């Protein structure tokens, strides 16, 4: 059943309920008929979550920007390390320094 079908069904039942049950003290059936009661149904997901799509896009954009800054910082650290005069730091880290014994590498 769609929300439109449920709304139509409830709209059909409102006049029936007004005439089937006694009105609350201090009110009359005429008051309820004059207010033109109408159902306003929404899905439970829409009621609880709402329109969160825009918020998720902003969160994803912010996360991407933070990751971009982190990658730029790592690249900057790698550049600074290689500009210190030791251009073979990756080779030395993996294979050990040339001219040293295996024990001194660890």
PDB file of N, CA and C in Angstrom:
ATOM      1  N   UNK A   1       0.842  -1.167   0.000  1.00  0.00           N
ATOM      2  CA  UNK A   1       0.000   0.000   0.000  1.00  0.00           C
ATOM      3  C   UNK A   1       0.894   1.239   0.000  1.00  0.00           C
ATOM      4  N   UNK A   2       0.600   2.149  -0.869  1.00  0.00           N
ATOM      5  CA  UNK A   2       1.382   3.377  -0.950  1.00  0.00           C
ATOM      6  C   UNK A   2       0.857   4.389   0.068  1.00  0.00           C
ATOM      7  N   UNK A   3       1.632   5.452   0.259  1.00  0.00           N
ATOM      8  CA  UNK A   3       1.228   6.499   1.196  1.00  0.00           C
ATOM      9  C   UNK A   3      -0.034   7.197   0.701  1.00  0.00           C
ATOM     10  N   UNK A   4      -0.159   7.377  -0.612  1.00  0.00           N
ATOM     11  CA  UNK A   4      -1.356   8.008  -1.168  1.00  0.00           C
ATOM     12  C   UNK A   4      -2.602   7.162  -0.908  1.00  0.00           C
ATOM     13  N   UNK A   5      -2.473   5.847  -1.083  1.00  0.00           N
ATOM     14  CA  UNK A   5      -3.595   4.958  -0.829  1.00  0.00           C
ATOM     15  C   UNK A   5      -3.988   4.981   0.646  1.00  0.00           C
ATOM     16  N   UNK A   6      -2.973   4.985   1.533  1.00  0.00           N
ATOM     17  CA  UNK A   6      -3.258   5.023   2.968  1.00  0.00           C
ATOM     18  C   UNK A   6      -3.915   6.346   3.346  1.00  0.00           C
ATOM     19  N   UNK A   7      -3.458   7.457   2.750  1.00  0.00           N
ATOM     20  CA  UNK A   7      -4.063   8.763   3.030  1.00  0.00           C
ATOM     21  C   UNK A   7      -5.525   8.786   2.580  1.00  0.00           C
ATOM     22  N   UNK A   8      -5.801   8.238   1.408  1.00  0.00           N
ATOM     23  CA  UNK A   8      -7.177   8.189   0.912  1.00  0.00           C
ATOM     24  C   UNK A   8      -8.044   7.327   1.825  1.00  0.00           C
ATOM     25  N   UNK A   9      -7.508   6.220   2.304  1.00  0.00           N
ATOM     26  CA  UNK A   9      -8.265   5.341   3.188  1.00  0.00           C
ATOM     27  C   UNK A   9      -8.565   6.027   4.521  1.00  0.00           C
ATOM     28  N   UNK A  10      -7.584   6.726   5.083  1.00  0.00           N
ATOM     29  CA  UNK A  10      -7.803   7.428   6.351  1.00  0.00           C
ATOM     30  C   UNK A  10      -8.760   8.598   6.151  1.00  0.00           C
ATOM     31  N   UNK A  11      -8.646   9.320   5.022  1.00  0.00           N
ATOM     32  CA  UNK A  11      -9.568  10.420   4.738  1.00  0.00           C
ATOM     33  C   UNK A  11     -11.013   9.901   4.636  1.00  0.00           C
ATOM     34  N   UNK A  12     -11.176   8.700   4.134  1.00  0.00           N
ATOM     35  CA  UNK A  12     -12.500   8.087   4.057  1.00  0.00           C
ATOM     36  C   UNK A  12     -13.016   7.718   5.439  1.00  0.00           C
ATOM     37  N   UNK A  13     -12.119   7.328   6.352  1.00  0.00           N
ATOM     38  CA  UNK A  13     -12.531   6.888   7.681  1.00  0.00           C
ATOM     39  C   UNK A  13     -12.760   8.033   8.664  1.00  0.00           C
ATOM     40  N   UNK A  14     -12.255   9.225   8.422  1.00  0.00           N
ATOM     41  CA  UNK A  14     -12.412  10.337   9.374  1.00  0.00           C
ATOM     42  C   UNK A  14     -13.885  10.681   9.606  1.00  0.00           C
ATOM     43  N   UNK A  15     -14.711  10.876   8.568  1.00  0.00           N
ATOM     44  CA  UNK A  15     -16.135  11.168   8.840  1.00  0.00           C
ATOM     45  C   UNK A  15     -16.850  10.024   9.542  1.00  0.00           C
ATOM     46  N   UNK A  16     -16.442   8.801   9.227  1.00  0.00           N
ATOM     47  CA  UNK A  16     -17.062   7.646   9.883  1.00  0.00           C
ATOM     48  C   UNK A  16     -16.750   7.667  11.373  1.00  0.00           C
ATOM     49  N   UNK A  17     -15.487   7.964  11.718  1.00  0.00           N
ATOM     50  CA  UNK A  17     -15.090   8.000  13.123  1.00  0.00           C
ATOM     51  C   UNK A  17     -15.766   9.156  13.861  1.00  0.00           C
ATOM     52  N   UNK A  18     -15.962  10.288  13.191  1.00  0.00           N
ATOM     53  CA  UNK A  18     -16.615  11.430  13.840  1.00  0.00           C
ATOM     54  C   UNK A  18     -18.050  11.117  14.242  1.00  0.00           C
ATOM     55  N   UNK A  19     -18.740  10.329  13.422  1.00  0.00           N
ATOM     56  CA  UNK A  19     -20.132  10.006  13.711  1.00  0.00           C
ATOM     57  C   UNK A  19     -20.286   8.724  14.527  1.00  0.00           C
ATOM     58  N   UNK A  20     -19.229   7.904  14.605  1.00  0.00           N
ATOM     59  CA  UNK A  20     -19.314   6.644  15.342  1.00  0.00           C
ATOM     60  C   UNK A  20     -18.973   6.805  16.817  1.00  0.00           C
ATOM     61  N   UNK A  21     -18.126   7.753  17.158  1.00  0.00           N
ATOM     62  CA  UNK A  21     -17.683   7.924  18.535  1.00  0.00           C
ATOM     63  C   UNK A  21     -18.153   9.279  19.056  1.00  0.00           C
ATOM     64  N   UNK A  22     -18.483   9.351  20.323  1.00  0.00           N
ATOM     65  CA  UNK A  22     -18.947  10.632  20.870  1.00  0.00           C
ATOM     66  C   UNK A  22     -17.788  11.638  20.936  1.00  0.00           C
ATOM     67  N   UNK A  23     -18.062  12.918  20.712  1.00  0.00           N
ATOM     68  CA  UNK A  23     -16.995  13.916  20.781  1.00  0.00           C
ATOM     69  C   UNK A  23     -16.541  14.129  22.221  1.00  0.00           C
ATOM     70  N   UNK A  24     -15.362  14.690  22.367  1.00  0.00           N
ATOM     71  CA  UNK A  24     -14.814  14.973  23.686  1.00  0.00           C
ATOM     72  C   UNK A  24     -15.663  16.038  24.370  1.00  0.00           C
ATOM     73  N   UNK A  25     -15.654  16.067  25.695  1.00  0.00           N
ATOM     74  CA  UNK A  25     -16.446  17.081  26.400  1.00  0.00           C
ATOM     75  C   UNK A  25     -16.038  18.491  25.976  1.00  0.00           C
ATOM     76  N   UNK A  26     -17.015  19.337  25.709  1.00  0.00           N
ATOM     77  CA  UNK A  26     -16.767  20.705  25.292  1.00  0.00           C
ATOM     78  C   UNK A  26     -16.644  20.874  23.792  1.00  0.00           C
ATOM     79  N   UNK A  27     -16.754  19.804  23.030  1.00  0.00           N
ATOM     80  CA  UNK A  27     -16.666  19.880  21.566  1.00  0.00           C
ATOM     81  C   UNK A  27     -17.907  19.246  20.956  1.00  0.00           C
ATOM     82  N   UNK A  28     -18.086  19.533  19.684  1.00  0.00           N
ATOM     83  CA  UNK A  28     -19.190  18.913  18.947  1.00  0.00           C
ATOM     84  C   UNK A  28     -18.650  18.351  17.633  1.00  0.00           C
ATOM     85  N   UNK A  29     -19.453  17.534  17.011  1.00  0.00           N
ATOM     86  CA  UNK A  29     -19.072  16.960  15.719  1.00  0.00           C
ATOM     87  C   UNK A  29     -18.947  18.073  14.688  1.00  0.00           C
ATOM     88  N   UNK A  30     -19.777  19.110  14.808  1.00  0.00           N
ATOM     89  CA  UNK A  30     -19.753  20.227  13.868  1.00  0.00           C
ATOM     90  C   UNK A  30     -18.396  20.940  13.878  1.00  0.00           C
ATOM     91  N   UNK A  31     -17.774  21.062  15.054  1.00  0.00           N
ATOM     92  CA  UNK A  31     -16.449  21.705  15.142  1.00  0.00           C
ATOM     93  C   UNK A  31     -15.439  20.922  14.308  1.00  0.00           C
ATOM     94  N   UNK A  32     -15.458  19.610  14.436  1.00  0.00           N
ATOM     95  CA  UNK A  32     -14.509  18.789  13.685  1.00  0.00           C
ATOM     96  C   UNK A  32     -14.804  18.807  12.191  1.00  0.00           C
ATOM     97  N   UNK A  33     -16.069  18.861  11.821  1.00  0.00           N
ATOM     98  CA  UNK A  33     -16.410  18.923  10.397  1.00  0.00           C
ATOM     99  C   UNK A  33     -16.000  20.256   9.786  1.00  0.00           C
ATOM    100  N   UNK A  34     -16.104  21.335  10.557  1.00  0.00           N
ATOM    101  CA  UNK A  34     -15.722  22.658  10.048  1.00  0.00           C
ATOM    102  C   UNK A  34     -14.207  22.823   9.899  1.00  0.00           C
ATOM    103  N   UNK A  35     -13.420  22.087  10.667  1.00  0.00           N
ATOM    104  CA  UNK A  35     -11.953  22.214  10.582  1.00  0.00           C
ATOM    105  C   UNK A  35     -11.379  21.491   9.369  1.00  0.00           C
ATOM    106  N   UNK A  36     -12.177  20.698   8.702  1.00  0.00           N
ATOM    107  CA  UNK A  36     -11.729  19.945   7.516  1.00  0.00           C
ATOM    108  C   UNK A  36     -10.459  19.139   7.805  1.00  0.00           C
ATOM    109  N   UNK A  37     -10.604  18.196   8.690  1.00  0.00           N
ATOM    110  CA  UNK A  37      -9.474  17.333   9.039  1.00  0.00           C
ATOM    111  C   UNK A  37      -9.016  16.541   7.822  1.00  0.00           C
ATOM    112  N   UNK A  38      -7.709  16.443   7.673  1.00  0.00           N
ATOM    113  CA  UNK A  38      -7.141  15.679   6.561  1.00  0.00           C
ATOM    114  C   UNK A  38      -5.886  14.962   7.053  1.00  0.00           C
ATOM    115  N   UNK A  39      -5.666  13.761   6.580  1.00  0.00           N
ATOM    116  CA  UNK A  39      -4.464  13.030   7.009  1.00  0.00           C
ATOM    117  C   UNK A  39      -3.212  13.592   6.342  1.00  0.00           C
ATOM    118  N   UNK A  40      -2.126  13.493   7.056  1.00  0.00           N
ATOM    119  CA  UNK A  40      -0.815  13.881   6.514  1.00  0.00           C
ATOM    120  C   UNK A  40       0.162  12.764   6.871  1.00  0.00           C
ATOM    121  N   UNK A  41       0.242  11.779   6.031  1.00  0.00           N
ATOM    122  CA  UNK A  41       1.078  10.616   6.290  1.00  0.00           C
ATOM    123  C   UNK A  41       2.455  10.791   5.665  1.00  0.00           C
ATOM    124  N   UNK A  42       3.454  10.281   6.374  1.00  0.00           N
ATOM    125  CA  UNK A  42       4.828  10.236   5.866  1.00  0.00           C
ATOM    126  C   UNK A  42       5.409   8.878   6.222  1.00  0.00           C
ATOM    127  N   UNK A  43       6.389   8.455   5.480  1.00  0.00           N
ATOM    128  CA  UNK A  43       7.017   7.174   5.794  1.00  0.00           C
ATOM    129  C   UNK A  43       7.841   7.311   7.072  1.00  0.00           C
ATOM    130  N   UNK A  44       8.024   6.208   7.754  1.00  0.00           N
ATOM    131  CA  UNK A  44       8.773   6.216   9.000  1.00  0.00           C
ATOM    132  C   UNK A  44      10.225   6.628   8.752  1.00  0.00           C
ATOM    133  N   UNK A  45      10.797   6.180   7.641  1.00  0.00           N
ATOM    134  CA  UNK A  45      12.175   6.556   7.308  1.00  0.00           C
ATOM    135  C   UNK A  45      12.285   8.067   7.138  1.00  0.00           C
ATOM    136  N   UNK A  46      11.354   8.668   6.432  1.00  0.00           N
ATOM    137  CA  UNK A  46      11.396  10.113   6.231  1.00  0.00           C
ATOM    138  C   UNK A  46      11.192  10.852   7.551  1.00  0.00           C
ATOM    139  N   UNK A  47      10.349  10.315   8.415  1.00  0.00           N
ATOM    140  CA  UNK A  47      10.077  10.942   9.698  1.00  0.00           C
ATOM    141  C   UNK A  47      11.299  10.887  10.608  1.00  0.00           C
ATOM    142  N   UNK A  48      11.981   9.739  10.666  1.00  0.00           N
ATOM    143  CA  UNK A  48      13.119   9.580  11.569  1.00  0.00           C
ATOM    144  C   UNK A  48      14.407  10.156  11.006  1.00  0.00           C
ATOM    145  N   UNK A  49      14.677   9.929   9.736  1.00  0.00           N
ATOM    146  CA  UNK A  49      15.938  10.339   9.135  1.00  0.00           C
ATOM    147  C   UNK A  49      15.822  11.709   8.487  1.00  0.00           C
ATOM    148  N   UNK A  50      14.752  11.951   7.767  1.00  0.00           N
ATOM    149  CA  UNK A  50      14.567  13.231   7.092  1.00  0.00           C
ATOM    150  C   UNK A  50      15.425  13.324   5.843  1.00  0.00           C
ATOM    151  N   UNK A  51      15.737  14.554   5.455  1.00  0.00           N
ATOM    152  CA  UNK A  51      16.559  14.792   4.269  1.00  0.00           C
ATOM    153  C   UNK A  51      18.014  14.928   4.696  1.00  0.00           C
ATOM    154  N   UNK A  52      18.704  13.791   4.780  1.00  0.00           N
ATOM    155  CA  UNK A  52      20.076  13.781   5.261  1.00  0.00           C
ATOM    156  C   UNK A  52      21.073  13.705   4.104  1.00  0.00           C
ATOM    157  N   UNK A  53      20.573  13.633   2.880  1.00  0.00           N
ATOM    158  CA  UNK A  53      21.451  13.491   1.717  1.00  0.00           C
ATOM    159  C   UNK A  53      22.421  14.653   1.581  1.00  0.00           C
ATOM    160  N   UNK A  54      21.949  15.882   1.750  1.00  0.00           N
ATOM    161  CA  UNK A  54      22.829  17.045   1.631  1.00  0.00           C
ATOM    162  C   UNK A  54      23.898  17.036   2.720  1.00  0.00           C
ATOM    163  N   UNK A  55      23.503  16.641   3.915  1.00  0.00           N
ATOM    164  CA  UNK A  55      24.459  16.578   5.021  1.00  0.00           C
ATOM    165  C   UNK A  55      25.546  15.544   4.741  1.00  0.00           C
ATOM    166  N   UNK A  56      25.164  14.410   4.175  1.00  0.00           N
ATOM    167  CA  UNK A  56      26.162  13.383   3.853  1.00  0.00           C
ATOM    168  C   UNK A  56      27.120  13.849   2.765  1.00  0.00           C
ATOM    169  N   UNK A  57      26.620  14.613   1.770  1.00  0.00           N
ATOM    170  CA  UNK A  57      27.510  15.134   0.729  1.00  0.00           C
ATOM    171  C   UNK A  57      28.518  16.120   1.326  1.00  0.00           C
ATOM    172  N   UNK A  58      28.072  16.964   2.245  1.00  0.00           N
ATOM    173  CA  UNK A  58      28.989  17.908   2.897  1.00  0.00           C
ATOM    174  C   UNK A  58      30.020  17.149   3.721  1.00  0.00           C
ATOM    175  N   UNK A  59      29.584  16.114   4.441  1.00  0.00           N
ATOM    176  CA  UNK A  59      30.508  15.309   5.235  1.00  0.00           C
ATOM    177  C   UNK A  59      31.526  14.601   4.344  1.00  0.00           C
ATOM    178  N   UNK A  60      31.080  14.056   3.213  1.00  0.00           N
ATOM    179  CA  UNK A  60      31.999  13.377   2.307  1.00  0.00           C
ATOM    180  C   UNK A  60      32.992  14.352   1.688  1.00  0.00           C
ATOM    181  N   UNK A  61      32.538  15.558   1.341  1.00  0.00           N
ATOM    182  CA  UNK A  61      33.448  16.573   0.812  1.00  0.00           C
ATOM    183  C   UNK A  61      34.480  16.993   1.832  1.00  0.00           C
ATOM    184  N   UNK A  62      34.060  17.157   3.085  1.00  0.00           N
ATOM    185  CA  UNK A  62      34.990  17.520   4.156  1.00  0.00           C
ATOM    186  C   UNK A  62      36.010  16.418   4.377  1.00  0.00           C
ATOM    187  N   UNK A  63      35.560  15.185   4.381  1.00  0.00           N
ATOM    188  CA  UNK A  63      36.472  14.060   4.552  1.00  0.00           C
ATOM    189  C   UNK A  63      37.479  13.993   3.411  1.00  0.00           C
ATOM    190  N   UNK A  64      37.040  14.213   2.181  1.00  0.00           N
ATOM    191  CA  UNK A  64      37.960  14.224   1.042  1.00  0.00           C
ATOM    192  C   UNK A  64      38.986  15.333   1.166  1.00  0.00           C
ATOM    193  N   UNK A  65      38.570  16.499   1.633  1.00  0.00           N
ATOM    194  CA  UNK A  65      39.494  17.617   1.814  1.00  0.00           C
ATOM    195  C   UNK A  65      40.529  17.299   2.894  1.00  0.00           C
ATOM    196  N   UNK A  66      40.109  16.687   3.988  1.00  0.00           N
ATOM    197  CA  UNK A  66      41.045  16.302   5.061  1.00  0.00           C
ATOM    198  C   UNK A  66      42.039  15.263   4.549  1.00  0.00           C
ATOM    199  N   UNK A  67      41.574  14.301   3.759  1.00  0.00           N
ATOM    200  CA  UNK A  67      42.487  13.303   3.199  1.00  0.00           C
ATOM    201  C   UNK A  67      43.470  13.929   2.219  1.00  0.00           C
ATOM    202  N   UNK A  68      43.017  14.917   1.458  1.00  0.00           N
ATOM    203  CA  UNK A  68      43.910  15.634   0.550  1.00  0.00           C
ATOM    204  C   UNK A  68      45.000  16.355   1.327  1.00  0.00           C
ATOM    205  N   UNK A  69      44.649  16.997   2.426  1.00  0.00           N
ATOM    206  CA  UNK A  69      45.646  17.676   3.258  1.00  0.00           C
ATOM    207  C   UNK A  69      46.624  16.665   3.857  1.00  0.00           C
ATOM    208  N   UNK A  70      46.125  15.513   4.300  1.00  0.00           N
ATOM    209  CA  UNK A  70      47.000  14.488   4.866  1.00  0.00           C
ATOM    210  C   UNK A  70      47.990  13.976   3.819  1.00  0.00           C
ATOM    211  N   UNK A  71      47.518  13.749   2.606  1.00  0.00           N
ATOM    212  CA  UNK A  71      48.420  13.288   1.536  1.00  0.00           C
ATOM    213  C   UNK A  71      49.457  14.355   1.202  1.00  0.00           C
ATOM    214  N   UNK A  72      49.048  15.612   1.197  1.00  0.00           N
ATOM    215  CA  UNK A  72      50.005  16.695   0.922  1.00  0.00           C
ATOM    216  C   UNK A  72      51.049  16.776   2.027  1.00  0.00           C
ATOM    217  N   UNK A  73      50.644  16.570   3.261  1.00  0.00           N
ATOM    218  CA  UNK A  73      51.610  16.587   4.368  1.00  0.00           C
ATOM    219  C   UNK A  73      52.604  15.438   4.258  1.00  0.00           C
ATOM    220  N   UNK A  74      52.133  14.273   3.898  1.00  0.00           N
ATOM    221  CA  UNK A  74      53.037  13.127   3.750  1.00  0.00           C
ATOM    222  C   UNK A  74      54.008  13.369   2.601  1.00  0.00           C
ATOM    223  N   UNK A  75      53.510  13.895   1.495  1.00  0.00           N
ATOM    224  CA  UNK A  75      54.396  14.202   0.365  1.00  0.00           C
ATOM    225  C   UNK A  75      55.427  15.243   0.760  1.00  0.00           C
ATOM    226  N   UNK A  76      55.024  16.228   1.537  1.00  0.00           N
ATOM    227  CA  UNK A  76      55.961  17.252   1.995  1.00  0.00           C
ATOM    228  C   UNK A  76      57.024  16.645   2.898  1.00  0.00           C
ATOM    229  N   UNK A  77      56.639  15.748   3.788  1.00  0.00           N
ATOM    230  CA  UNK A  77      57.622  15.100   4.657  1.00  0.00           C
ATOM    231  C   UNK A  77      58.613  14.271   3.843  1.00  0.00           C
ATOM    232  N   UNK A  78      58.139  13.587   2.827  1.00  0.00           N
ATOM    233  CA  UNK A  78      59.036  12.804   1.981  1.00  0.00           C
ATOM    234  C   UNK A  78      59.994  13.703   1.209  1.00  0.00           C
ATOM    235  N   UNK A  79      59.514  14.840   0.730  1.00  0.00           N
ATOM    236  CA  UNK A  79      60.388  15.771   0.012  1.00  0.00           C
ATOM    237  C   UNK A  79      61.458  16.356   0.921  1.00  0.00           C
ATOM    238  N   UNK A  80      61.076  16.716   2.136  1.00  0.00           N
ATOM    239  CA  UNK A  80      62.042  17.289   3.079  1.00  0.00           C
ATOM    240  C   UNK A  80      63.098  16.248   3.427  1.00  0.00           C
ATOM    241  N   UNK A  81      62.687  15.021   3.571  1.00  0.00           N
ATOM    242  CA  UNK A  81      63.633  13.976   3.935  1.00  0.00           C
ATOM    243  C   UNK A  81      64.649  13.737   2.816  1.00  0.00           C
ATOM    244  N   UNK A  82      64.214  13.811   1.578  1.00  0.00           N
ATOM    245  CA  UNK A  82      65.146  13.578   0.480  1.00  0.00           C
ATOM    246  C   UNK A  82      66.037  14.790   0.232  1.00  0.00           C
ATOM    247  N   UNK A  83      65.618  15.972   0.612  1.00  0.00           N
ATOM    248  CA  UNK A  83      66.437  17.170   0.403  1.00  0.00           C
ATOM    249  C   UNK A  83      67.525  17.318   1.451  1.00  0.00           C
ATOM    250  N   UNK A  84      67.555  16.465   2.467  1.00  0.00           N
ATOM    251  CA  UNK A  84      68.584  16.534   3.494  1.00  0.00           C
ATOM    252  C   UNK A  84      69.928  16.029   3.002  1.00  0.00           C
ATOM    253  N   UNK A  85      70.032  15.661   1.769  1.00  0.00           N
ATOM    254  CA  UNK A  85      71.295  15.170   1.223  1.00  0.00           C
ATOM    255  C   UNK A  85      71.336  13.663   1.110  1.00  0.00           C
ATOM    256  N   UNK A  86      70.432  12.991   1.758  1.00  0.00           N
ATOM    257  CA  UNK A  86      70.388  11.538   1.704  1.00  0.00           C
ATOM    258  C   UNK A  86      69.314  11.142   0.689  1.00  0.00           C
ATOM    259  N   UNK A  87      69.717  10.998  -0.554  1.00  0.00           N
ATOM    260  CA  UNK A  87      68.752  10.687  -1.606  1.00  0.00           C
ATOM    261  C   UNK A  87      68.475   9.196  -1.725  1.00  0.00           C
ATOM    262  N   UNK A  88      69.236   8.388  -1.045  1.00  0.00           N
ATOM    263  CA  UNK A  88      69.059   6.932  -1.127  1.00  0.00           C
ATOM    264  C   UNK A  88      68.384   6.379   0.108  1.00  0.00           C
ATOM    265  N   UNK A  89      67.561   7.182   0.758  1.00  0.00           N
ATOM    266  CA  UNK A  89      66.994   6.727   2.027  1.00  0.00           C
ATOM    267  C   UNK A  89      66.070   5.528   1.861  1.00  0.00           C
ATOM    268  N   UNK A  90      65.359   5.440   0.752  1.00  0.00           N
ATOM    269  CA  UNK A  90      64.507   4.270   0.545  1.00  0.00           C
ATOM    270  C   UNK A  90      65.352   3.009   0.332  1.00  0.00           C
ATOM    271  N   UNK A  91      66.396   3.146  -0.483  1.00  0.00           N
ATOM    272  CA  UNK A  91      67.278   2.004  -0.729  1.00  0.00           C
ATOM    273  C   UNK A  91      67.953   1.565   0.569  1.00  0.00           C
ATOM    274  N   UNK A  92      68.453   2.521   1.334  1.00  0.00           N
ATOM    275  CA  UNK A  92      69.146   2.184   2.575  1.00  0.00           C
ATOM    276  C   UNK A  92      68.198   1.591   3.603  1.00  0.00           C
ATOM    277  N   UNK A  93      66.996   2.082   3.643  1.00  0.00           N
ATOM    278  CA  UNK A  93      66.049   1.551   4.617  1.00  0.00           C
ATOM    279  C   UNK A  93      65.698   0.105   4.285  1.00  0.00           C
ATOM    280  N   UNK A  94      65.588  -0.196   2.997  1.00  0.00           N
ATOM    281  CA  UNK A  94      65.202  -1.542   2.606  1.00  0.00           C
ATOM    282  C   UNK A  94      66.395  -2.503   2.656  1.00  0.00           C
ATOM    283  N   UNK A  95      67.543  -2.119   2.098  1.00  0.00           N
ATOM    284  CA  UNK A  95      68.675  -3.030   1.947  1.00  0.00           C
ATOM    285  C   UNK A  95      69.756  -2.833   3.000  1.00  0.00           C
ATOM    286  N   UNK A  96      69.703  -1.773   3.734  1.00  0.00           N
ATOM    287  CA  UNK A  96      70.734  -1.515   4.728  1.00  0.00           C
ATOM    288  C   UNK A  96      71.815  -0.611   4.143  1.00  0.00           C
ATOM    289  N   UNK A  97      72.572   0.015   4.999  1.00  0.00           N
ATOM    290  CA  UNK A  97      73.629   0.918   4.546  1.00  0.00           C
ATOM    291  C   UNK A  97      74.764   0.129   3.917  1.00  0.00           C
ATOM    292  N   UNK A  98      75.330   0.684   2.880  1.00  0.00           N
ATOM    293  CA  UNK A  98      76.440   0.046   2.184  1.00  0.00           C
ATOM    294  C   UNK A  98      77.699   0.209   3.024  1.00  0.00           C
ATOM    295  N   UNK A  99      78.470  -0.826   3.156  1.00  0.00           N
ATOM    296  CA  UNK A  99      79.725  -0.756   3.891  1.00  0.00           C
ATOM    297  C   UNK A  99      79.565  -1.054   5.368  1.00  0.00           C
ATOM    298  N   UNK A 100      78.417  -1.470   5.809  1.00  0.00           N
ATOM    299  CA  UNK A 100      78.242  -1.828   7.214  1.00  0.00           C
ATOM    300  C   UNK A 100      77.923  -3.304   7.298  1.00  0.00           C
ATOM    301  N   UNK A 101      78.064  -3.830   8.473  1.00  0.00           N
ATOM    302  CA  UNK A 101      77.750  -5.242   8.640  1.00  0.00           C
ATOM    303  C   UNK A 101      76.262  -5.424   8.855  1.00  0.00           C
ATOM    304  N   UNK A 102      75.799  -6.626   8.747  1.00  0.00           N
ATOM    305  CA  UNK A 102      74.380  -6.916   8.897  1.00  0.00           C
ATOM    306  C   UNK A 102      73.888  -6.557  10.306  1.00  0.00           C
ATOM    307  N   UNK A 103      74.736  -6.744  11.290  1.00  0.00           N
ATOM    308  CA  UNK A 103      74.370  -6.450  12.679  1.00  0.00           C
ATOM    309  C   UNK A 103      74.141  -4.951  12.892  1.00  0.00           C
ATOM    310  N   UNK A 104      74.899  -4.097  12.249  1.00  0.00           N
ATOM    311  CA  UNK A 104      74.761  -2.654  12.426  1.00  0.00           C
ATOM    312  C   UNK A 104      73.508  -2.117  11.723  1.00  0.00           C
ATOM    313  N   UNK A 105      72.998  -2.844  10.769  1.00  0.00           N
ATOM    314  CA  UNK A 105      71.790  -2.410  10.075  1.00  0.00           C
ATOM    315  C   UNK A 105      70.538  -2.522  10.935  1.00  0.00           C
ATOM    316  N   UNK A 106      70.579  -3.402  11.918  1.00  0.00           N
ATOM    317  CA  UNK A 106      69.402  -3.587  12.769  1.00  0.00           C
ATOM    318  C   UNK A 106      69.646  -2.878  14.048  1.00  0.00           C
TER     319      UNK A 106
END
